[in-house]
Amino acid sequence: MIFISTKIIVLDDDVSFCSVLSVILEKKGCIVKCLNTSERITQHIKEFKPNLILLDVVLPERSGLEVLAEIKLAIPNIPVVMISNREDSKLVVAAMKAGAYDYIPKTLDPEDLWDKIKDTLEIEDIKSTEKDLKTYSPILGNSYAAKNLIKMISKVSQTDAPVFLRGESGTGKSLIAETIHNYSRRKGKPFVTINCPAIPATLLESELFGHEKGSFTGAIRTKEGKFEIAEGGTIFLDEIGDLSIDLQVKILRIIQNKEFERVGGLKTIKTNVRIIAATNGDVETAVKSGRFREDLFYRLNVLPIYIPALRDRKDDIPIFIEHFMGVFSKRENKKFNKLSTEVMDALCNYPWPGNIRELENVLERAVILGKEPELTISDFNFASGSKSAGNYEAVARQTTVSSPSPYSSGNVSLKDIEYRNLLDALQKTSGNMSQTAKLLGISRDTLYRRMKKHGIGLKS
């Protein structure tokens, strides 16, 4: 996001702080309006039309929380970040509940302060981008990880540079590749996918680049390859780490010179294709061992996107469940009640080694074989092969094996696991709400709800 002409109101009775902050923000290209009193704040906002408001918690005439309430009542969609000289946990909670976007201590050095403000502005920008993306191919989820993924997609979509998708098998790399294409200026052109390990090595070169008639036994006619078919659009090379060194050289040539020859051909063919590559392997190790060309790696790695595993975005699991249940129930002409709390908790706390693909398969099977109107935990067949996967408490315990913590040993309940994981995360971040939410892969609102549920006080 470019911050030139971004408008920010700073409401603080500390004139010197306002002056310093104005200089920092104006150097970044922002337009700043400083106010030292909350009088006529709503009128100032409507006239200035800011993108962001920085609001001091302590004001002489009334509290910042009262001003926040007035702002949110008049202009509910504008992001407001509270600023304060002290880190007060109760104030943080009160401010967030009242609708504040974040809470920033004034003690931060100027660059760190700017980074916090910039993050707020960028995330606000992502929200509008997310709506556009979902008109093409929905990226499900509301977790921090999902929003960060959308943020990266929105950035890389607007360029023609190669994109390198990194992530475990089943995390949705092909969907993300297609989303990038559909949100780009190439969206009206072909999107071509090729699964590199699924095609025998002897045929892969012909599949990618085509061949001339008579170039090898069985080549009874000239054939176009995937790069010619994708002309003007995007080609997605799934599991590119499986390509031979010879084919890697040819891909590198396309990236560098935008040209290739068919198998058995002499004519050089110019190409205008964007490459999106993906792998679930350790490419850096492959580079060191000589199995993957270092120059190709750096060419592809211009725009890397790391796709989180499903276990790292647990707050999104109910959203995926609702989506897949709806799709498969409609297809099978079945109607099921909402999953019970026990079943939902078991599904959310299972580690899903096969990620979204495994979750989709498990739900499809449950819908096909399950009896209406209620699905029980026994209807879900966990593909990982765990003998205890059908048992609710066993599934909960299995989660602790995949994400070890000093509190997660023994035969404990899911509620105990969640409670202890919350405490563990809060201790690791010294009670910082934003960092704790990021560490757990959940939103701040969800964090507060879970803390309230378990009776965890911020001071503890």
Protein backbone atom coordinates (compact mmCIF):
# COMPACT_ATOMS: atom_id res chain seq x y z
CA MET A 1 0.00 0.00 0.00
CA ILE A 2 1.23 3.50 -0.83
CA PHE A 3 0.59 5.94 2.00
CA ILE A 4 0.80 9.17 -0.01
CA SER A 5 -2.31 11.25 0.77
CA THR A 6 -3.42 8.86 3.51
CA LYS A 7 -5.28 11.05 6.01
CA ILE A 8 -4.76 10.61 9.76
CA ILE A 9 -6.25 12.50 12.70
CA VAL A 10 -4.14 12.56 15.87
CA LEU A 11 -6.22 13.49 18.94
CA ASP A 12 -3.91 14.09 21.89
CA ASP A 13 -3.62 16.94 24.41
CA ASP A 14 0.18 16.51 24.48
CA VAL A 15 1.20 19.16 21.94
CA SER A 16 4.84 18.03 21.72
CA PHE A 17 3.87 14.39 21.10
CA CYS A 18 1.44 15.49 18.40
CA SER A 19 4.19 17.51 16.74
CA VAL A 20 6.69 14.63 16.76
CA LEU A 21 4.12 12.14 15.48
CA SER A 22 3.05 14.53 12.71
CA VAL A 23 6.63 14.77 11.46
CA ILE A 24 6.97 10.95 11.40
CA LEU A 25 3.70 10.46 9.52
CA GLU A 26 4.23 13.30 7.06
CA LYS A 27 7.65 11.90 6.14
CA LYS A 28 5.84 8.71 5.17
CA GLY A 29 3.54 10.68 2.84
CA CYS A 30 0.52 10.98 5.12
CA ILE A 31 -1.64 14.07 5.60
CA VAL A 32 -2.01 14.73 9.32
CA LYS A 33 -4.51 16.79 11.29
CA CYS A 34 -3.63 17.27 15.00
CA LEU A 35 -6.35 17.98 17.54
CA ASN A 36 -5.67 18.74 21.20
CA THR A 37 -9.29 18.58 22.30
CA SER A 38 -12.18 16.25 21.54
CA GLU A 39 -14.58 19.14 21.10
CA ARG A 40 -16.49 18.83 17.78
CA ILE A 41 -14.58 15.59 16.99
CA THR A 42 -17.40 14.19 14.85
CA GLN A 43 -17.51 17.36 12.78
CA HIS A 44 -13.73 17.28 12.28
CA ILE A 45 -13.94 13.68 11.08
CA LYS A 46 -16.73 14.38 8.60
CA GLU A 47 -14.90 17.40 7.18
CA PHE A 48 -11.38 15.87 7.06
CA LYS A 49 -12.48 12.31 6.09
CA PRO A 50 -9.48 10.50 7.65
CA ASN A 51 -8.40 6.95 6.87
CA LEU A 52 -7.35 6.44 10.48
CA ILE A 53 -7.71 8.09 13.91
CA LEU A 54 -5.04 7.93 16.63
CA LEU A 55 -6.79 8.65 19.92
CA ASP A 56 -5.16 9.27 23.30
CA VAL A 57 -6.66 7.25 26.15
CA VAL A 58 -6.38 10.15 28.61
CA LEU A 59 -7.83 13.54 27.63
CA PRO A 60 -8.43 16.53 29.94
CA GLU A 61 -12.15 17.01 29.34
CA ARG A 62 -13.21 13.31 29.15
CA SER A 63 -11.74 9.85 28.71
CA GLY A 64 -10.59 8.53 25.35
CA LEU A 65 -13.05 5.65 25.72
CA GLU A 66 -15.93 8.10 25.83
CA VAL A 67 -14.61 9.80 22.69
CA LEU A 68 -14.22 6.39 21.05
CA ALA A 69 -17.85 5.59 21.79
CA GLU A 70 -18.94 8.87 20.19
CA ILE A 71 -16.83 8.22 17.09
CA LYS A 72 -18.10 4.66 16.67
CA LEU A 73 -21.68 5.80 17.05
CA ALA A 74 -21.32 8.48 14.37
CA ILE A 75 -18.86 6.79 11.95
CA PRO A 76 -18.69 3.07 12.88
CA ASN A 77 -16.44 1.90 10.03
CA ILE A 78 -13.45 4.20 10.62
CA PRO A 79 -10.48 2.46 12.30
CA VAL A 80 -9.47 4.00 15.64
CA VAL A 81 -6.17 3.13 17.32
CA MET A 82 -5.82 4.03 20.99
CA ILE A 83 -2.47 5.49 22.15
CA SER A 84 -1.28 5.68 25.72
CA ASN A 85 1.75 6.29 27.94
CA ARG A 86 1.14 3.04 29.78
CA GLU A 87 0.30 -0.58 28.97
CA ASP A 88 -2.87 -1.23 30.97
CA SER A 89 -4.48 -4.61 30.34
CA LYS A 90 -7.91 -3.52 31.53
CA LEU A 91 -7.83 -0.48 29.26
CA VAL A 92 -6.78 -2.68 26.33
CA VAL A 93 -9.79 -4.95 26.84
CA ALA A 94 -12.16 -2.02 27.36
CA ALA A 95 -10.89 -0.26 24.25
CA MET A 96 -11.16 -3.38 22.07
CA LYS A 97 -14.66 -4.13 23.31
CA ALA A 98 -15.64 -0.53 22.52
CA GLY A 99 -14.47 -0.96 18.94
CA ALA A 100 -10.82 0.18 18.94
CA TYR A 101 -8.72 -1.44 16.23
CA ASP A 102 -5.52 -1.57 18.26
CA TYR A 103 -3.78 -0.14 21.31
CA ILE A 104 -0.29 1.37 20.88
CA PRO A 105 2.02 2.53 23.69
CA LYS A 106 3.63 5.94 23.11
CA THR A 107 6.91 4.52 24.41
CA LEU A 108 7.63 2.78 21.10
CA ASP A 109 10.49 4.22 19.08
CA PRO A 110 9.37 6.19 15.98
CA GLU A 111 9.93 3.40 13.44
CA ASP A 112 8.15 0.78 15.57
CA LEU A 113 5.30 3.21 16.09
CA TRP A 114 5.08 3.75 12.36
CA ASP A 115 5.13 -0.01 11.73
CA LYS A 116 2.11 -0.46 14.00
CA ILE A 117 0.24 2.35 12.26
CA LYS A 118 1.22 1.00 8.84
CA ASP A 119 -0.03 -2.48 9.75
CA THR A 120 -3.42 -1.01 10.62
CA LEU A 121 -3.63 0.90 7.36
CA GLU A 122 -2.57 -2.12 5.31
CA ILE A 123 -5.06 -4.46 6.96
CA GLU A 124 -7.84 -1.95 6.36
CA ASP A 125 -6.77 -1.90 2.73
CA ILE A 126 -6.82 -5.71 2.63
CA LYS A 127 -10.47 -5.80 3.70
CA SER A 128 -11.64 -4.20 0.47
CA THR A 129 -9.25 -6.38 -1.53
CA GLU A 130 -10.63 -9.48 0.16
CA LYS A 131 -14.13 -8.72 -1.14
CA ASP A 132 -12.82 -8.44 -4.69
CA LEU A 133 -10.88 -11.69 -4.37
CA LYS A 134 -13.93 -13.56 -3.14
CA THR A 135 -15.85 -12.65 -6.27
CA TYR A 136 -13.42 -14.87 -8.17
CA SER A 137 -12.48 -17.81 -5.99
CA PRO A 138 -13.21 -17.66 -2.26
CA ILE A 139 -10.31 -17.87 0.17
CA LEU A 140 -12.13 -19.10 3.26
CA GLY A 141 -11.23 -18.00 6.76
CA ASN A 142 -11.13 -15.01 9.08
CA SER A 143 -7.99 -15.86 11.07
CA TYR A 144 -4.87 -13.74 11.08
CA ALA A 145 -3.21 -16.38 8.88
CA ALA A 146 -6.04 -16.26 6.33
CA LYS A 147 -6.04 -12.46 6.20
CA ASN A 148 -2.28 -12.40 5.80
CA LEU A 149 -2.61 -14.89 2.95
CA ILE A 150 -5.20 -12.67 1.26
CA LYS A 151 -2.87 -9.71 1.76
CA MET A 152 -0.07 -11.51 -0.07
CA ILE A 153 -2.38 -12.67 -2.87
CA SER A 154 -3.64 -9.13 -3.40
CA LYS A 155 -0.08 -7.87 -3.74
CA VAL A 156 1.33 -10.51 -6.07
CA SER A 157 -1.77 -10.61 -8.27
CA GLN A 158 -1.07 -7.15 -9.64
CA THR A 159 2.32 -8.09 -11.09
CA ASP A 160 3.55 -10.48 -13.77
CA ALA A 161 6.52 -11.76 -11.76
CA PRO A 162 6.79 -15.49 -10.94
CA VAL A 163 5.16 -16.61 -7.71
CA PHE A 164 6.44 -19.45 -5.54
CA LEU A 165 3.81 -21.13 -3.33
CA ARG A 166 5.27 -23.00 -0.37
CA GLY A 167 3.25 -25.20 1.94
CA GLU A 168 2.32 -28.72 2.98
CA SER A 169 0.30 -31.01 0.76
CA GLY A 170 -3.43 -30.32 0.91
CA THR A 171 -3.22 -26.66 1.94
CA GLY A 172 -4.90 -25.39 -1.23
CA LYS A 173 -2.00 -24.27 -3.40
CA SER A 174 -3.87 -24.87 -6.66
CA LEU A 175 -6.85 -22.80 -5.47
CA ILE A 176 -4.52 -19.97 -4.47
CA ALA A 177 -2.73 -20.12 -7.82
CA GLU A 178 -6.05 -19.86 -9.65
CA THR A 179 -7.14 -17.00 -7.38
CA ILE A 180 -3.96 -15.09 -8.20
CA HIS A 181 -4.66 -15.57 -11.90
CA ASN A 182 -8.32 -14.56 -11.63
CA TYR A 183 -7.46 -11.39 -9.74
CA SER A 184 -4.70 -10.40 -12.20
CA ARG A 185 -4.88 -8.55 -15.48
CA ARG A 186 -4.49 -11.95 -17.19
CA LYS A 187 -7.85 -13.15 -15.85
CA GLY A 188 -9.48 -13.36 -19.30
CA LYS A 189 -6.67 -15.59 -20.60
CA PRO A 190 -6.03 -19.32 -20.02
CA PHE A 191 -5.10 -20.76 -16.63
CA VAL A 192 -3.27 -24.04 -17.20
CA THR A 193 -2.25 -26.48 -14.45
CA ILE A 194 0.33 -29.23 -14.74
CA ASN A 195 1.11 -31.64 -11.92
CA CYS A 196 4.79 -32.35 -12.53
CA PRO A 197 5.17 -35.68 -10.64
CA ALA A 198 1.94 -37.07 -12.14
CA ILE A 199 3.45 -37.22 -15.66
CA PRO A 200 6.25 -39.68 -16.53
CA ALA A 201 9.59 -37.91 -16.92
CA THR A 202 9.92 -39.14 -20.52
CA LEU A 203 6.66 -37.41 -21.50
CA LEU A 204 6.87 -34.29 -19.34
CA GLU A 205 9.04 -32.27 -21.72
CA SER A 206 6.58 -32.85 -24.57
CA GLU A 207 3.68 -32.04 -22.27
CA LEU A 208 5.24 -28.72 -21.28
CA PHE A 209 6.74 -27.56 -24.57
CA GLY A 210 4.99 -29.62 -27.24
CA HIS A 211 6.66 -31.65 -30.00
CA GLU A 212 7.06 -31.79 -33.75
CA LYS A 213 5.70 -34.62 -35.88
CA GLY A 214 8.20 -37.49 -36.06
CA SER A 215 10.39 -36.14 -33.24
CA PHE A 216 10.11 -39.48 -31.37
CA THR A 217 8.34 -42.82 -31.71
CA GLY A 218 4.61 -42.23 -31.50
CA ALA A 219 4.78 -38.54 -32.43
CA ILE A 220 2.37 -38.93 -35.36
CA ARG A 221 1.46 -35.23 -35.41
CA THR A 222 2.69 -31.87 -34.20
CA LYS A 223 1.41 -31.06 -30.74
CA GLU A 224 1.27 -27.80 -28.78
CA GLY A 225 2.56 -27.89 -25.22
CA LYS A 226 1.11 -26.35 -22.09
CA PHE A 227 3.13 -23.15 -22.50
CA GLU A 228 1.60 -22.52 -25.92
CA ILE A 229 -1.89 -23.34 -24.64
CA ALA A 230 -1.42 -20.89 -21.75
CA GLU A 231 -0.26 -18.03 -24.01
CA GLY A 232 -1.15 -14.67 -22.50
CA GLY A 233 -2.32 -16.32 -19.28
CA THR A 234 -0.84 -18.26 -16.39
CA ILE A 235 0.72 -21.69 -16.05
CA PHE A 236 0.75 -23.38 -12.66
CA LEU A 237 3.60 -25.85 -12.18
CA ASP A 238 2.57 -27.92 -9.18
CA GLU A 239 5.39 -29.70 -7.32
CA ILE A 240 8.08 -28.13 -9.46
CA GLY A 241 10.73 -29.69 -7.21
CA ASP A 242 10.15 -32.97 -9.07
CA LEU A 243 11.39 -31.57 -12.41
CA SER A 244 14.63 -32.95 -13.80
CA ILE A 245 17.63 -30.62 -14.01
CA ASP A 246 17.28 -30.51 -17.83
CA LEU A 247 13.68 -29.31 -17.61
CA GLN A 248 14.63 -26.83 -14.90
CA VAL A 249 17.06 -25.25 -17.36
CA LYS A 250 14.26 -24.84 -19.89
CA ILE A 251 11.91 -23.28 -17.33
CA LEU A 252 14.69 -20.89 -16.35
CA ARG A 253 15.11 -19.91 -19.99
CA ILE A 254 11.41 -19.12 -20.28
CA ILE A 255 11.59 -16.90 -17.19
CA GLN A 256 14.72 -15.12 -18.44
CA ASN A 257 14.18 -14.93 -22.20
CA LYS A 258 10.49 -15.85 -22.66
CA GLU A 259 11.28 -18.42 -25.33
CA PHE A 260 11.54 -22.19 -25.93
CA GLU A 261 11.51 -24.84 -28.67
CA ARG A 262 9.23 -27.81 -29.07
CA VAL A 263 10.75 -31.27 -28.73
CA GLY A 264 12.40 -32.01 -32.07
CA GLY A 265 11.78 -28.47 -33.29
CA LEU A 266 14.23 -25.85 -34.55
CA LYS A 267 11.94 -22.84 -34.44
CA THR A 268 12.21 -20.66 -31.35
CA ILE A 269 8.77 -19.83 -29.95
CA LYS A 270 8.25 -16.62 -28.01
CA THR A 271 5.92 -16.86 -25.03
CA ASN A 272 4.07 -14.46 -22.76
CA VAL A 273 3.06 -16.64 -19.82
CA ARG A 274 3.18 -15.96 -16.11
CA ILE A 275 4.60 -18.83 -14.06
CA ILE A 276 3.23 -19.80 -10.66
CA ALA A 277 5.15 -22.69 -9.12
CA ALA A 278 4.44 -24.71 -5.99
CA THR A 279 6.17 -27.22 -3.79
CA ASN A 280 5.61 -28.98 -0.49
CA GLY A 281 9.27 -29.93 -0.23
CA ASP A 282 12.38 -28.39 1.27
CA VAL A 283 13.72 -26.59 -1.79
CA GLU A 284 16.63 -25.03 0.08
CA THR A 285 17.96 -28.51 0.91
CA ALA A 286 17.39 -29.58 -2.70
CA VAL A 287 19.42 -26.57 -3.86
CA LYS A 288 22.30 -27.44 -1.51
CA SER A 289 22.32 -31.06 -2.72
CA GLY A 290 22.25 -30.01 -6.39
CA ARG A 291 18.79 -31.47 -7.11
CA PHE A 292 17.31 -28.04 -7.77
CA ARG A 293 19.05 -25.25 -9.65
CA GLU A 294 19.93 -22.33 -7.41
CA ASP A 295 19.41 -19.76 -10.17
CA LEU A 296 15.91 -21.11 -10.88
CA PHE A 297 15.11 -21.03 -7.18
CA TYR A 298 15.99 -17.34 -6.92
CA ARG A 299 14.08 -16.54 -10.10
CA LEU A 300 10.96 -18.24 -8.77
CA ASN A 301 11.37 -16.96 -5.24
CA VAL A 302 10.86 -13.30 -6.19
CA LEU A 303 7.36 -13.46 -4.70
CA PRO A 304 7.17 -16.35 -2.23
CA ILE A 305 3.92 -17.12 -0.43
CA TYR A 306 4.00 -19.46 2.55
CA ILE A 307 0.64 -21.19 2.98
CA PRO A 308 -0.07 -22.15 6.60
CA ALA A 309 -1.08 -25.65 7.59
CA LEU A 310 -4.69 -26.08 8.75
CA ARG A 311 -3.51 -26.77 12.31
CA ASP A 312 -2.00 -23.26 12.34
CA ARG A 313 -5.33 -21.63 11.48
CA LYS A 314 -7.67 -23.54 13.77
CA ASP A 315 -10.13 -20.68 14.01
CA ASP A 316 -10.91 -21.21 10.31
CA ILE A 317 -11.82 -24.89 10.68
CA PRO A 318 -15.52 -24.23 11.56
CA ILE A 319 -15.78 -22.05 8.44
CA PHE A 320 -14.40 -24.85 6.25
CA ILE A 321 -16.71 -27.36 7.94
CA GLU A 322 -19.79 -25.22 7.30
CA HIS A 323 -18.75 -24.69 3.67
CA PHE A 324 -18.04 -28.34 2.86
CA MET A 325 -21.08 -29.58 4.77
CA GLY A 326 -23.24 -27.24 2.72
CA VAL A 327 -21.69 -28.29 -0.60
CA PHE A 328 -21.89 -32.05 0.03
CA SER A 329 -25.33 -31.98 1.69
CA LYS A 330 -26.76 -30.14 -1.30
CA ARG A 331 -25.10 -32.55 -3.72
CA GLU A 332 -26.39 -35.61 -1.83
CA ASN A 333 -29.81 -34.01 -1.25
CA LYS A 334 -29.48 -34.45 2.51
CA LYS A 335 -30.22 -32.19 5.46
CA PHE A 336 -28.21 -32.31 8.67
CA ASN A 337 -28.50 -30.38 11.91
CA LYS A 338 -25.60 -28.24 13.03
CA LEU A 339 -22.80 -30.36 14.43
CA SER A 340 -22.87 -30.78 18.19
CA THR A 341 -20.32 -28.94 20.31
CA GLU A 342 -18.59 -32.24 21.04
CA VAL A 343 -18.20 -33.12 17.36
CA MET A 344 -17.16 -29.60 16.37
CA ASP A 345 -14.56 -29.45 19.15
CA ALA A 346 -13.15 -32.83 18.13
CA LEU A 347 -12.85 -31.76 14.50
CA CYS A 348 -11.29 -28.42 15.44
CA ASN A 349 -8.71 -30.04 17.70
CA TYR A 350 -7.67 -32.87 15.43
CA PRO A 351 -4.25 -32.00 13.87
CA TRP A 352 -5.31 -32.61 10.22
CA PRO A 353 -1.98 -33.83 8.80
CA GLY A 354 -3.60 -33.86 5.35
CA ASN A 355 -4.77 -30.27 5.82
CA ILE A 356 -7.82 -28.88 3.97
CA ARG A 357 -7.88 -31.78 1.52
CA GLU A 358 -8.16 -34.30 4.36
CA LEU A 359 -10.87 -32.25 6.07
CA GLU A 360 -12.82 -32.08 2.80
CA ASN A 361 -12.55 -35.85 2.27
CA VAL A 362 -13.57 -36.65 5.84
CA LEU A 363 -16.64 -34.40 5.60
CA GLU A 364 -17.63 -35.77 2.18
CA ARG A 365 -17.54 -39.32 3.51
CA ALA A 366 -19.50 -38.36 6.63
CA VAL A 367 -22.23 -36.71 4.57
CA ILE A 368 -22.47 -39.61 2.11
CA LEU A 369 -22.59 -42.37 4.75
CA GLY A 370 -24.12 -40.51 7.70
CA LYS A 371 -27.78 -40.77 8.62
CA GLU A 372 -29.93 -37.67 8.79
CA PRO A 373 -30.47 -35.50 10.70
CA GLU A 374 -27.50 -35.86 13.10
CA LEU A 375 -23.83 -36.65 12.50
CA THR A 376 -21.89 -38.14 15.42
CA ILE A 377 -18.15 -38.43 15.93
CA SER A 378 -18.29 -42.07 14.75
CA ASP A 379 -19.36 -40.84 11.29
CA PHE A 380 -15.96 -39.20 10.76
CA ASN A 381 -13.15 -41.39 9.44
CA PHE A 382 -9.80 -39.71 10.01
CA ALA A 383 -7.51 -40.51 7.10
CA SER A 384 -4.31 -40.27 9.16
CA GLY A 385 -4.90 -43.80 10.37
CA SER A 386 -5.04 -42.91 14.05
CA LYS A 387 -6.66 -45.76 15.94
CA SER A 388 -8.14 -43.31 18.41
CA ALA A 389 -9.33 -40.75 15.87
CA GLY A 390 -12.98 -41.68 16.41
CA ASN A 391 -12.82 -40.86 20.10
CA TYR A 392 -13.40 -37.26 21.14
CA GLU A 393 -10.94 -37.09 24.02
CA ALA A 394 -8.34 -39.07 22.07
CA VAL A 395 -8.58 -36.63 19.19
CA ALA A 396 -8.10 -33.77 21.64
CA ARG A 397 -5.04 -35.46 23.12
CA GLN A 398 -3.65 -36.10 19.65
CA THR A 399 -3.61 -32.36 19.05
CA THR A 400 -1.25 -31.90 21.96
CA VAL A 401 1.15 -34.41 20.43
CA SER A 402 1.40 -32.33 17.24
CA SER A 403 1.82 -29.10 19.20
CA PRO A 404 3.71 -30.03 22.39
CA SER A 405 3.57 -27.77 25.41
CA PRO A 406 4.67 -28.16 29.02
CA TYR A 407 1.02 -28.42 30.03
CA SER A 408 -0.13 -31.03 27.53
CA SER A 409 0.73 -34.38 29.05
CA GLY A 410 -1.51 -36.99 30.57
CA ASN A 411 -5.18 -37.82 30.14
CA VAL A 412 -6.72 -34.33 30.15
CA SER A 413 -9.92 -32.90 28.72
CA LEU A 414 -10.18 -30.61 25.71
CA LYS A 415 -11.21 -27.77 28.03
CA ASP A 416 -8.03 -28.28 30.06
CA ILE A 417 -5.92 -28.30 26.91
CA GLU A 418 -7.43 -25.05 25.65
CA TYR A 419 -7.03 -23.42 29.08
CA ARG A 420 -3.41 -24.44 29.40
CA ASN A 421 -2.55 -23.45 25.83
CA LEU A 422 -4.05 -20.01 26.47
CA LEU A 423 -1.94 -19.59 29.61
CA ASP A 424 1.16 -20.83 27.80
CA ALA A 425 0.68 -18.34 24.95
CA LEU A 426 -0.04 -15.45 27.33
CA GLN A 427 3.12 -16.23 29.29
CA LYS A 428 5.24 -16.39 26.13
CA THR A 429 4.03 -12.94 25.04
CA SER A 430 4.05 -11.41 28.56
CA GLY A 431 0.32 -10.81 28.24
CA ASN A 432 0.48 -8.86 24.95
CA MET A 433 -2.98 -9.39 23.43
CA SER A 434 -2.04 -8.83 19.77
CA GLN A 435 1.01 -11.10 19.95
CA THR A 436 -0.93 -13.79 21.82
CA ALA A 437 -3.68 -13.79 19.20
CA LYS A 438 -1.10 -14.04 16.40
CA LEU A 439 0.74 -16.86 18.20
CA LEU A 440 -2.50 -18.85 18.52
CA GLY A 441 -3.65 -17.99 14.98
CA ILE A 442 -6.91 -16.45 16.17
CA SER A 443 -8.46 -12.98 16.25
CA ARG A 444 -8.25 -10.73 19.30
CA ASP A 445 -12.04 -11.00 19.75
CA THR A 446 -11.80 -14.79 19.84
CA LEU A 447 -8.92 -14.57 22.30
CA TYR A 448 -10.96 -12.39 24.67
CA ARG A 449 -13.95 -14.72 24.41
CA ARG A 450 -11.82 -17.75 25.24
CA MET A 451 -10.16 -15.96 28.16
CA LYS A 452 -13.57 -15.01 29.51
CA LYS A 453 -14.81 -18.56 29.01
CA HIS A 454 -11.95 -19.93 31.14
CA GLY A 455 -12.00 -17.11 33.66
CA ILE A 456 -8.49 -15.97 32.79
CA GLY A 457 -7.84 -12.44 34.05
CA LEU A 458 -5.42 -10.29 32.07
CA LYS A 459 -3.40 -9.40 35.15
CA SER A 460 -2.85 -13.09 35.87
